[in-house]
Amino acid sequence: MDEITVFEVLPKRDRQSLDLYLSKLPNRNRQRVVTMDMWRPYRESILQHLPQAIIVIEKFHFVRMAAQSMESVRKKIRLELDRSSRVKLKNDRSFF
């Protein structure tokens, strides 16, 4: 990889704006990788206009969703424990 650069930030965050932008992108068939968050309309637009590009989910959103999922499972398991076990685990959110 020669360069890591923010290529463009669009003024609006909607599917129509992205479709219009991508349809006018010069040399779009040469675009190899797209980094994005996990908003479904972004993915759909990329697949439509840049089908050859590899989609990479940015780390922040991936880690945030994983943490939210782990917290949800932790709370569910905690509810199934007896009172004394719940008290022992109160405020314990660390794996280490």
C-alpha atoms as a PDB file:
ATOM      1  CA  MET A   1       0.000   0.000   0.000  1.00  0.00           C
ATOM      2  CA  ASP A   2       1.514   3.264  -1.104  1.00  0.00           C
ATOM      3  CA  GLU A   3      -0.663   5.720   0.739  1.00  0.00           C
ATOM      4  CA  ILE A   4      -3.370   5.878   3.388  1.00  0.00           C
ATOM      5  CA  THR A   5      -5.506   8.952   2.815  1.00  0.00           C
ATOM      6  CA  VAL A   6      -8.999  10.220   3.492  1.00  0.00           C
ATOM      7  CA  PHE A   7     -10.207  10.532  -0.060  1.00  0.00           C
ATOM      8  CA  GLU A   8     -13.408  12.487   0.398  1.00  0.00           C
ATOM      9  CA  VAL A   9     -16.020  13.419   2.985  1.00  0.00           C
ATOM     10  CA  LEU A  10     -19.440  14.020   1.493  1.00  0.00           C
ATOM     11  CA  PRO A  11     -21.703  16.775   2.858  1.00  0.00           C
ATOM     12  CA  LYS A  12     -24.647  14.383   3.328  1.00  0.00           C
ATOM     13  CA  ARG A  13     -24.821  10.871   4.756  1.00  0.00           C
ATOM     14  CA  ASP A  14     -27.473   9.230   2.610  1.00  0.00           C
ATOM     15  CA  ARG A  15     -27.617   6.560  -0.061  1.00  0.00           C
ATOM     16  CA  GLN A  16     -28.588   8.933  -2.884  1.00  0.00           C
ATOM     17  CA  SER A  17     -25.592  11.207  -2.284  1.00  0.00           C
ATOM     18  CA  LEU A  18     -23.230   8.250  -2.177  1.00  0.00           C
ATOM     19  CA  ASP A  19     -24.722   6.691  -5.325  1.00  0.00           C
ATOM     20  CA  LEU A  20     -24.344   9.981  -7.200  1.00  0.00           C
ATOM     21  CA  TYR A  21     -20.773  10.452  -5.983  1.00  0.00           C
ATOM     22  CA  LEU A  22     -19.693   6.896  -6.830  1.00  0.00           C
ATOM     23  CA  SER A  23     -21.351   6.942 -10.247  1.00  0.00           C
ATOM     24  CA  LYS A  24     -19.225   9.974 -11.188  1.00  0.00           C
ATOM     25  CA  LEU A  25     -15.986   8.716  -9.638  1.00  0.00           C
ATOM     26  CA  PRO A  26     -13.261   8.661 -12.303  1.00  0.00           C
ATOM     27  CA  ASN A  27     -11.490   5.328 -12.799  1.00  0.00           C
ATOM     28  CA  ARG A  28     -13.811   3.659 -10.298  1.00  0.00           C
ATOM     29  CA  ASN A  29     -12.987   0.274 -11.793  1.00  0.00           C
ATOM     30  CA  ARG A  30      -9.459   0.713 -10.353  1.00  0.00           C
ATOM     31  CA  GLN A  31     -10.680   1.181  -6.765  1.00  0.00           C
ATOM     32  CA  ARG A  32      -9.400  -1.860  -4.836  1.00  0.00           C
ATOM     33  CA  VAL A  33     -10.381  -1.233  -1.200  1.00  0.00           C
ATOM     34  CA  VAL A  34     -13.120   0.758   0.537  1.00  0.00           C
ATOM     35  CA  THR A  35     -13.100   1.397   4.283  1.00  0.00           C
ATOM     36  CA  MET A  36     -16.454   2.216   5.849  1.00  0.00           C
ATOM     37  CA  ASP A  37     -18.676   1.863   8.878  1.00  0.00           C
ATOM     38  CA  MET A  38     -21.347  -0.832   8.965  1.00  0.00           C
ATOM     39  CA  TRP A  39     -24.272   1.198   7.658  1.00  0.00           C
ATOM     40  CA  ARG A  40     -26.089  -1.106   5.228  1.00  0.00           C
ATOM     41  CA  PRO A  41     -26.802   1.554   2.543  1.00  0.00           C
ATOM     42  CA  TYR A  42     -23.037   2.199   2.261  1.00  0.00           C
ATOM     43  CA  ARG A  43     -22.418  -1.483   1.638  1.00  0.00           C
ATOM     44  CA  GLU A  44     -25.211  -1.712  -0.921  1.00  0.00           C
ATOM     45  CA  SER A  45     -23.937   1.345  -2.791  1.00  0.00           C
ATOM     46  CA  ILE A  46     -20.356   0.073  -2.805  1.00  0.00           C
ATOM     47  CA  LEU A  47     -21.474  -3.332  -4.093  1.00  0.00           C
ATOM     48  CA  GLN A  48     -23.455  -1.652  -6.863  1.00  0.00           C
ATOM     49  CA  HIS A  49     -20.859   0.870  -8.024  1.00  0.00           C
ATOM     50  CA  LEU A  50     -17.538  -0.740  -7.024  1.00  0.00           C
ATOM     51  CA  PRO A  51     -18.202  -4.503  -7.152  1.00  0.00           C
ATOM     52  CA  GLN A  52     -14.495  -5.302  -7.490  1.00  0.00           C
ATOM     53  CA  ALA A  53     -13.549  -3.423  -4.302  1.00  0.00           C
ATOM     54  CA  ILE A  54     -12.866  -5.208  -1.035  1.00  0.00           C
ATOM     55  CA  ILE A  55     -14.935  -3.723   1.797  1.00  0.00           C
ATOM     56  CA  VAL A  56     -13.091  -3.236   5.080  1.00  0.00           C
ATOM     57  CA  ILE A  57     -15.065  -2.302   8.193  1.00  0.00           C
ATOM     58  CA  GLU A  58     -13.297   0.334  10.211  1.00  0.00           C
ATOM     59  CA  LYS A  59     -11.958  -0.802  13.573  1.00  0.00           C
ATOM     60  CA  PHE A  60     -13.899   1.655  15.767  1.00  0.00           C
ATOM     61  CA  HIS A  61     -17.341   0.418  14.715  1.00  0.00           C
ATOM     62  CA  PHE A  62     -16.323  -3.227  14.761  1.00  0.00           C
ATOM     63  CA  VAL A  63     -14.890  -3.018  18.285  1.00  0.00           C
ATOM     64  CA  ARG A  64     -17.891  -1.003  19.522  1.00  0.00           C
ATOM     65  CA  MET A  65     -20.354  -3.622  18.257  1.00  0.00           C
ATOM     66  CA  ALA A  66     -18.297  -6.464  19.716  1.00  0.00           C
ATOM     67  CA  ALA A  67     -18.165  -4.719  23.105  1.00  0.00           C
ATOM     68  CA  GLN A  68     -21.928  -4.088  23.054  1.00  0.00           C
ATOM     69  CA  SER A  69     -22.565  -7.742  22.241  1.00  0.00           C
ATOM     70  CA  MET A  70     -20.285  -8.928  25.041  1.00  0.00           C
ATOM     71  CA  GLU A  71     -22.010  -6.573  27.503  1.00  0.00           C
ATOM     72  CA  SER A  72     -25.398  -7.929  26.470  1.00  0.00           C
ATOM     73  CA  VAL A  73     -24.280 -11.539  27.036  1.00  0.00           C
ATOM     74  CA  ARG A  74     -22.674 -10.604  30.374  1.00  0.00           C
ATOM     75  CA  LYS A  75     -25.936  -9.047  31.590  1.00  0.00           C
ATOM     76  CA  LYS A  76     -27.984 -12.032  30.453  1.00  0.00           C
ATOM     77  CA  ILE A  77     -25.702 -14.504  32.257  1.00  0.00           C
ATOM     78  CA  ARG A  78     -25.701 -12.306  35.364  1.00  0.00           C
ATOM     79  CA  LEU A  79     -29.527 -12.422  35.511  1.00  0.00           C
ATOM     80  CA  GLU A  80     -29.412 -16.216  35.624  1.00  0.00           C
ATOM     81  CA  LEU A  81     -27.114 -16.295  38.662  1.00  0.00           C
ATOM     82  CA  ASP A  82     -28.207 -16.533  42.275  1.00  0.00           C
ATOM     83  CA  ARG A  83     -28.016 -13.435  44.472  1.00  0.00           C
ATOM     84  CA  SER A  84     -24.645 -14.165  46.067  1.00  0.00           C
ATOM     85  CA  SER A  85     -22.990 -14.864  42.710  1.00  0.00           C
ATOM     86  CA  ARG A  86     -24.465 -11.650  41.283  1.00  0.00           C
ATOM     87  CA  VAL A  87     -23.088  -9.641  44.200  1.00  0.00           C
ATOM     88  CA  LYS A  88     -19.613 -11.127  43.624  1.00  0.00           C
ATOM     89  CA  LEU A  89     -19.735 -10.122  39.962  1.00  0.00           C
ATOM     90  CA  LYS A  90     -21.242  -6.675  40.546  1.00  0.00           C
ATOM     91  CA  ASN A  91     -19.347  -4.061  38.519  1.00  0.00           C
ATOM     92  CA  ASP A  92     -17.039  -6.754  37.123  1.00  0.00           C
ATOM     93  CA  ARG A  93     -16.725  -6.040  33.416  1.00  0.00           C
ATOM     94  CA  SER A  94     -13.159  -7.148  32.871  1.00  0.00           C
ATOM     95  CA  PHE A  95     -11.977 -10.455  31.498  1.00  0.00           C
ATOM     96  CA  PHE A  96      -8.634 -10.165  33.279  1.00  0.00           C
END
